[in-house]
Amino acid sequence: MGPLSAPPCTQHITWKGVLLTASLLNFWNLPITAQVTIEALPPKVSEGKDVLLLVHNLPQNLAGYIWYKGQLMDLYHYITSYVVDGQINIYGPAYTGRETVYSNASLLIQNVTREDAGSYTLHIIKRGDRTRGVTGYFTFNLY
């Protein structure tokens, strides 16, 4: 191994200096972005009842969002979307007339049937975001 390019540190470091550095690092840590989660209310859904798929930790600067039945995000599985500017709902082929989407991205399914049980996908589109957006998945079963 060759010689070092810089001389080794020979300064005496005090505990106060280490504690100050550790304290400052705690303040400089950026907050972790909360992940979008979806919760069924009520948690146990019975046939013929209503269920609300409640969305938590919705990001800021929303342009809109789209709900799909299943995990495929294609036109065939497209239930409904909501455009924030103008507060417009757009319905897709998987819309049955029993779904209501709210401005907080939550989805109400009324008079639940066996065909409604299964996976749902929420695709969130953020304003000015050139990525593919944020996607959340949820599955509920009938009891």
C-alpha atoms as a PDB file:
ATOM      1  CA  MET A   1       0.000   0.000   0.000  1.00  0.00           C
ATOM      2  CA  GLY A   2       1.368   3.424  -0.961  1.00  0.00           C
ATOM      3  CA  PRO A   3       1.568   6.574   1.115  1.00  0.00           C
ATOM      4  CA  LEU A   4      -1.637   8.377   2.099  1.00  0.00           C
ATOM      5  CA  SER A   5      -2.607  11.374  -0.023  1.00  0.00           C
ATOM      6  CA  ALA A   6      -3.493  13.365   3.087  1.00  0.00           C
ATOM      7  CA  PRO A   7      -1.907  13.262   6.512  1.00  0.00           C
ATOM      8  CA  PRO A   8      -3.895  11.400   9.187  1.00  0.00           C
ATOM      9  CA  CYS A   9      -6.064  13.468  11.512  1.00  0.00           C
ATOM     10  CA  THR A  10      -4.139  14.228  14.663  1.00  0.00           C
ATOM     11  CA  GLN A  11      -6.662  16.557  16.301  1.00  0.00           C
ATOM     12  CA  HIS A  12      -8.077  15.668  19.675  1.00  0.00           C
ATOM     13  CA  ILE A  13     -11.883  15.226  19.369  1.00  0.00           C
ATOM     14  CA  THR A  14     -13.873  15.853  22.532  1.00  0.00           C
ATOM     15  CA  TRP A  15     -17.124  14.138  23.556  1.00  0.00           C
ATOM     16  CA  LYS A  16     -18.860  17.516  23.337  1.00  0.00           C
ATOM     17  CA  GLY A  17     -17.924  17.693  19.663  1.00  0.00           C
ATOM     18  CA  VAL A  18     -19.246  14.185  19.000  1.00  0.00           C
ATOM     19  CA  LEU A  19     -22.516  14.938  20.842  1.00  0.00           C
ATOM     20  CA  LEU A  20     -22.954  18.225  18.972  1.00  0.00           C
ATOM     21  CA  THR A  21     -22.422  16.460  15.652  1.00  0.00           C
ATOM     22  CA  ALA A  22     -24.904  13.710  16.556  1.00  0.00           C
ATOM     23  CA  SER A  23     -27.463  16.319  17.657  1.00  0.00           C
ATOM     24  CA  LEU A  24     -27.130  18.259  14.399  1.00  0.00           C
ATOM     25  CA  LEU A  25     -27.493  15.084  12.352  1.00  0.00           C
ATOM     26  CA  ASN A  26     -30.819  14.436  14.078  1.00  0.00           C
ATOM     27  CA  PHE A  27     -32.077  17.842  12.921  1.00  0.00           C
ATOM     28  CA  TRP A  28     -30.802  17.396   9.368  1.00  0.00           C
ATOM     29  CA  ASN A  29     -32.597  14.104   8.741  1.00  0.00           C
ATOM     30  CA  LEU A  30     -35.376  14.656   6.220  1.00  0.00           C
ATOM     31  CA  PRO A  31     -38.787  13.288   7.153  1.00  0.00           C
ATOM     32  CA  ILE A  32     -39.709   9.988   5.539  1.00  0.00           C
ATOM     33  CA  THR A  33     -42.592  10.299   3.100  1.00  0.00           C
ATOM     34  CA  ALA A  34     -45.612   8.430   4.388  1.00  0.00           C
ATOM     35  CA  GLN A  35     -46.778   5.636   2.130  1.00  0.00           C
ATOM     36  CA  VAL A  36     -50.339   5.638   0.812  1.00  0.00           C
ATOM     37  CA  THR A  37     -52.468   3.063   2.615  1.00  0.00           C
ATOM     38  CA  ILE A  38     -56.040   1.889   2.059  1.00  0.00           C
ATOM     39  CA  GLU A  39     -58.335   0.646   4.812  1.00  0.00           C
ATOM     40  CA  ALA A  40     -61.750  -1.007   4.502  1.00  0.00           C
ATOM     41  CA  LEU A  41     -64.525   0.375   6.689  1.00  0.00           C
ATOM     42  CA  PRO A  42     -66.007  -1.740   8.109  1.00  0.00           C
ATOM     43  CA  PRO A  43     -63.022  -4.119   8.233  1.00  0.00           C
ATOM     44  CA  LYS A  44     -65.288  -7.151   7.726  1.00  0.00           C
ATOM     45  CA  VAL A  45     -67.635  -6.728   4.774  1.00  0.00           C
ATOM     46  CA  SER A  46     -70.883  -8.658   4.349  1.00  0.00           C
ATOM     47  CA  GLU A  47     -72.760  -9.180   1.099  1.00  0.00           C
ATOM     48  CA  GLY A  48     -75.438  -6.514   0.612  1.00  0.00           C
ATOM     49  CA  LYS A  49     -73.673  -3.987   2.896  1.00  0.00           C
ATOM     50  CA  ASP A  50     -71.587  -0.940   1.971  1.00  0.00           C
ATOM     51  CA  VAL A  51     -67.806  -0.696   2.239  1.00  0.00           C
ATOM     52  CA  LEU A  52     -65.627   2.407   2.164  1.00  0.00           C
ATOM     53  CA  LEU A  53     -62.048   1.997   0.913  1.00  0.00           C
ATOM     54  CA  LEU A  54     -60.567   4.841   2.949  1.00  0.00           C
ATOM     55  CA  VAL A  55     -57.270   6.290   1.707  1.00  0.00           C
ATOM     56  CA  HIS A  56     -54.629   7.483   4.189  1.00  0.00           C
ATOM     57  CA  ASN A  57     -51.470   9.579   3.578  1.00  0.00           C
ATOM     58  CA  LEU A  58     -52.608  11.073   0.285  1.00  0.00           C
ATOM     59  CA  PRO A  59     -49.734  13.097  -1.225  1.00  0.00           C
ATOM     60  CA  GLN A  60     -49.958  16.845  -1.819  1.00  0.00           C
ATOM     61  CA  ASN A  61     -50.357  18.522  -5.245  1.00  0.00           C
ATOM     62  CA  LEU A  62     -52.819  16.025  -6.669  1.00  0.00           C
ATOM     63  CA  ALA A  63     -53.911  16.219 -10.275  1.00  0.00           C
ATOM     64  CA  GLY A  64     -56.259  13.261  -9.881  1.00  0.00           C
ATOM     65  CA  TYR A  65     -56.603   9.558  -9.240  1.00  0.00           C
ATOM     66  CA  ILE A  66     -57.987   6.426 -10.855  1.00  0.00           C
ATOM     67  CA  TRP A  67     -59.554   3.333  -9.262  1.00  0.00           C
ATOM     68  CA  TYR A  68     -59.249  -0.088 -10.954  1.00  0.00           C
ATOM     69  CA  LYS A  69     -60.855  -3.431 -10.098  1.00  0.00           C
ATOM     70  CA  GLY A  70     -57.958  -5.865  -9.728  1.00  0.00           C
ATOM     71  CA  GLN A  71     -54.262  -5.159 -10.041  1.00  0.00           C
ATOM     72  CA  LEU A  72     -54.163  -4.505 -13.775  1.00  0.00           C
ATOM     73  CA  MET A  73     -54.295  -0.844 -14.671  1.00  0.00           C
ATOM     74  CA  ASP A  74     -55.988  -1.061 -18.055  1.00  0.00           C
ATOM     75  CA  LEU A  75     -59.188   0.233 -19.635  1.00  0.00           C
ATOM     76  CA  TYR A  76     -61.098  -3.007 -19.026  1.00  0.00           C
ATOM     77  CA  HIS A  77     -60.571  -2.772 -15.231  1.00  0.00           C
ATOM     78  CA  TYR A  78     -61.059   1.005 -15.013  1.00  0.00           C
ATOM     79  CA  ILE A  79     -63.827   1.868 -12.502  1.00  0.00           C
ATOM     80  CA  THR A  80     -63.696   5.626 -12.090  1.00  0.00           C
ATOM     81  CA  SER A  81     -61.342   8.563 -11.950  1.00  0.00           C
ATOM     82  CA  TYR A  82     -61.458  11.953 -10.315  1.00  0.00           C
ATOM     83  CA  VAL A  83     -59.879  15.125 -11.739  1.00  0.00           C
ATOM     84  CA  VAL A  84     -59.079  17.555  -8.923  1.00  0.00           C
ATOM     85  CA  ASP A  85     -59.242  20.705 -11.082  1.00  0.00           C
ATOM     86  CA  GLY A  86     -62.910  20.950 -11.944  1.00  0.00           C
ATOM     87  CA  GLN A  87     -63.888  18.162  -9.512  1.00  0.00           C
ATOM     88  CA  ILE A  88     -64.875  15.871 -12.384  1.00  0.00           C
ATOM     89  CA  ASN A  89     -65.706  12.149 -12.119  1.00  0.00           C
ATOM     90  CA  ILE A  90     -65.132   9.978 -15.172  1.00  0.00           C
ATOM     91  CA  TYR A  91     -66.549   6.441 -15.293  1.00  0.00           C
ATOM     92  CA  GLY A  92     -65.002   3.421 -16.972  1.00  0.00           C
ATOM     93  CA  PRO A  93     -66.202   0.013 -18.154  1.00  0.00           C
ATOM     94  CA  ALA A  94     -65.860  -1.569 -14.673  1.00  0.00           C
ATOM     95  CA  TYR A  95     -68.193   1.044 -13.139  1.00  0.00           C
ATOM     96  CA  THR A  96     -71.435  -0.578 -11.899  1.00  0.00           C
ATOM     97  CA  GLY A  97     -73.252   2.526 -10.653  1.00  0.00           C
ATOM     98  CA  ARG A  98     -72.696   1.466  -7.025  1.00  0.00           C
ATOM     99  CA  GLU A  99     -69.278   3.128  -6.676  1.00  0.00           C
ATOM    100  CA  THR A 100     -68.734   6.680  -5.447  1.00  0.00           C
ATOM    101  CA  VAL A 101     -65.295   8.300  -5.399  1.00  0.00           C
ATOM    102  CA  TYR A 102     -64.648  11.175  -3.003  1.00  0.00           C
ATOM    103  CA  SER A 103     -62.257  14.130  -3.187  1.00  0.00           C
ATOM    104  CA  ASN A 104     -59.999  12.416  -0.599  1.00  0.00           C
ATOM    105  CA  ALA A 105     -59.593   9.485  -3.082  1.00  0.00           C
ATOM    106  CA  SER A 106     -61.703   7.103  -0.970  1.00  0.00           C
ATOM    107  CA  LEU A 107     -64.049   4.753  -2.813  1.00  0.00           C
ATOM    108  CA  LEU A 108     -67.490   3.778  -1.501  1.00  0.00           C
ATOM    109  CA  ILE A 109     -68.993   0.549  -2.859  1.00  0.00           C
ATOM    110  CA  GLN A 110     -72.683   0.203  -2.041  1.00  0.00           C
ATOM    111  CA  ASN A 111     -74.644  -3.043  -1.797  1.00  0.00           C
ATOM    112  CA  VAL A 112     -71.519  -5.217  -2.071  1.00  0.00           C
ATOM    113  CA  THR A 113     -71.803  -8.435  -4.105  1.00  0.00           C
ATOM    114  CA  ARG A 114     -69.525 -11.483  -4.363  1.00  0.00           C
ATOM    115  CA  GLU A 115     -68.135 -10.074  -7.613  1.00  0.00           C
ATOM    116  CA  ASP A 116     -66.936  -6.964  -5.738  1.00  0.00           C
ATOM    117  CA  ALA A 117     -64.653  -8.944  -3.409  1.00  0.00           C
ATOM    118  CA  GLY A 118     -61.002  -9.008  -4.433  1.00  0.00           C
ATOM    119  CA  SER A 119     -58.241  -6.573  -5.295  1.00  0.00           C
ATOM    120  CA  TYR A 120     -58.491  -2.881  -6.046  1.00  0.00           C
ATOM    121  CA  THR A 121     -55.809  -0.534  -7.336  1.00  0.00           C
ATOM    122  CA  LEU A 122     -55.649   3.202  -6.706  1.00  0.00           C
ATOM    123  CA  HIS A 123     -53.384   5.142  -9.062  1.00  0.00           C
ATOM    124  CA  ILE A 124     -52.578   8.669  -7.837  1.00  0.00           C
ATOM    125  CA  ILE A 125     -51.300  11.310 -10.249  1.00  0.00           C
ATOM    126  CA  LYS A 126     -49.397  14.219  -8.715  1.00  0.00           C
ATOM    127  CA  ARG A 127     -49.309  17.631 -10.386  1.00  0.00           C
ATOM    128  CA  GLY A 128     -45.956  18.318 -12.042  1.00  0.00           C
ATOM    129  CA  ASP A 129     -44.723  14.773 -11.359  1.00  0.00           C
ATOM    130  CA  ARG A 130     -43.186  13.272 -14.476  1.00  0.00           C
ATOM    131  CA  THR A 131     -43.011   9.816 -12.930  1.00  0.00           C
ATOM    132  CA  ARG A 132     -45.757   7.220 -13.214  1.00  0.00           C
ATOM    133  CA  GLY A 133     -47.433   8.471 -10.013  1.00  0.00           C
ATOM    134  CA  VAL A 134     -48.184   6.582  -6.821  1.00  0.00           C
ATOM    135  CA  THR A 135     -50.068   3.285  -6.730  1.00  0.00           C
ATOM    136  CA  GLY A 136     -51.803   1.622  -3.788  1.00  0.00           C
ATOM    137  CA  TYR A 137     -53.341  -1.867  -3.684  1.00  0.00           C
ATOM    138  CA  PHE A 138     -56.082  -3.254  -1.476  1.00  0.00           C
ATOM    139  CA  THR A 139     -57.937  -6.570  -1.253  1.00  0.00           C
ATOM    140  CA  PHE A 140     -61.098  -7.276   0.703  1.00  0.00           C
ATOM    141  CA  ASN A 141     -63.063 -10.471   1.270  1.00  0.00           C
ATOM    142  CA  LEU A 142     -66.699 -11.050   2.145  1.00  0.00           C
ATOM    143  CA  TYR A 143     -67.597 -12.509   5.544  1.00  0.00           C
END
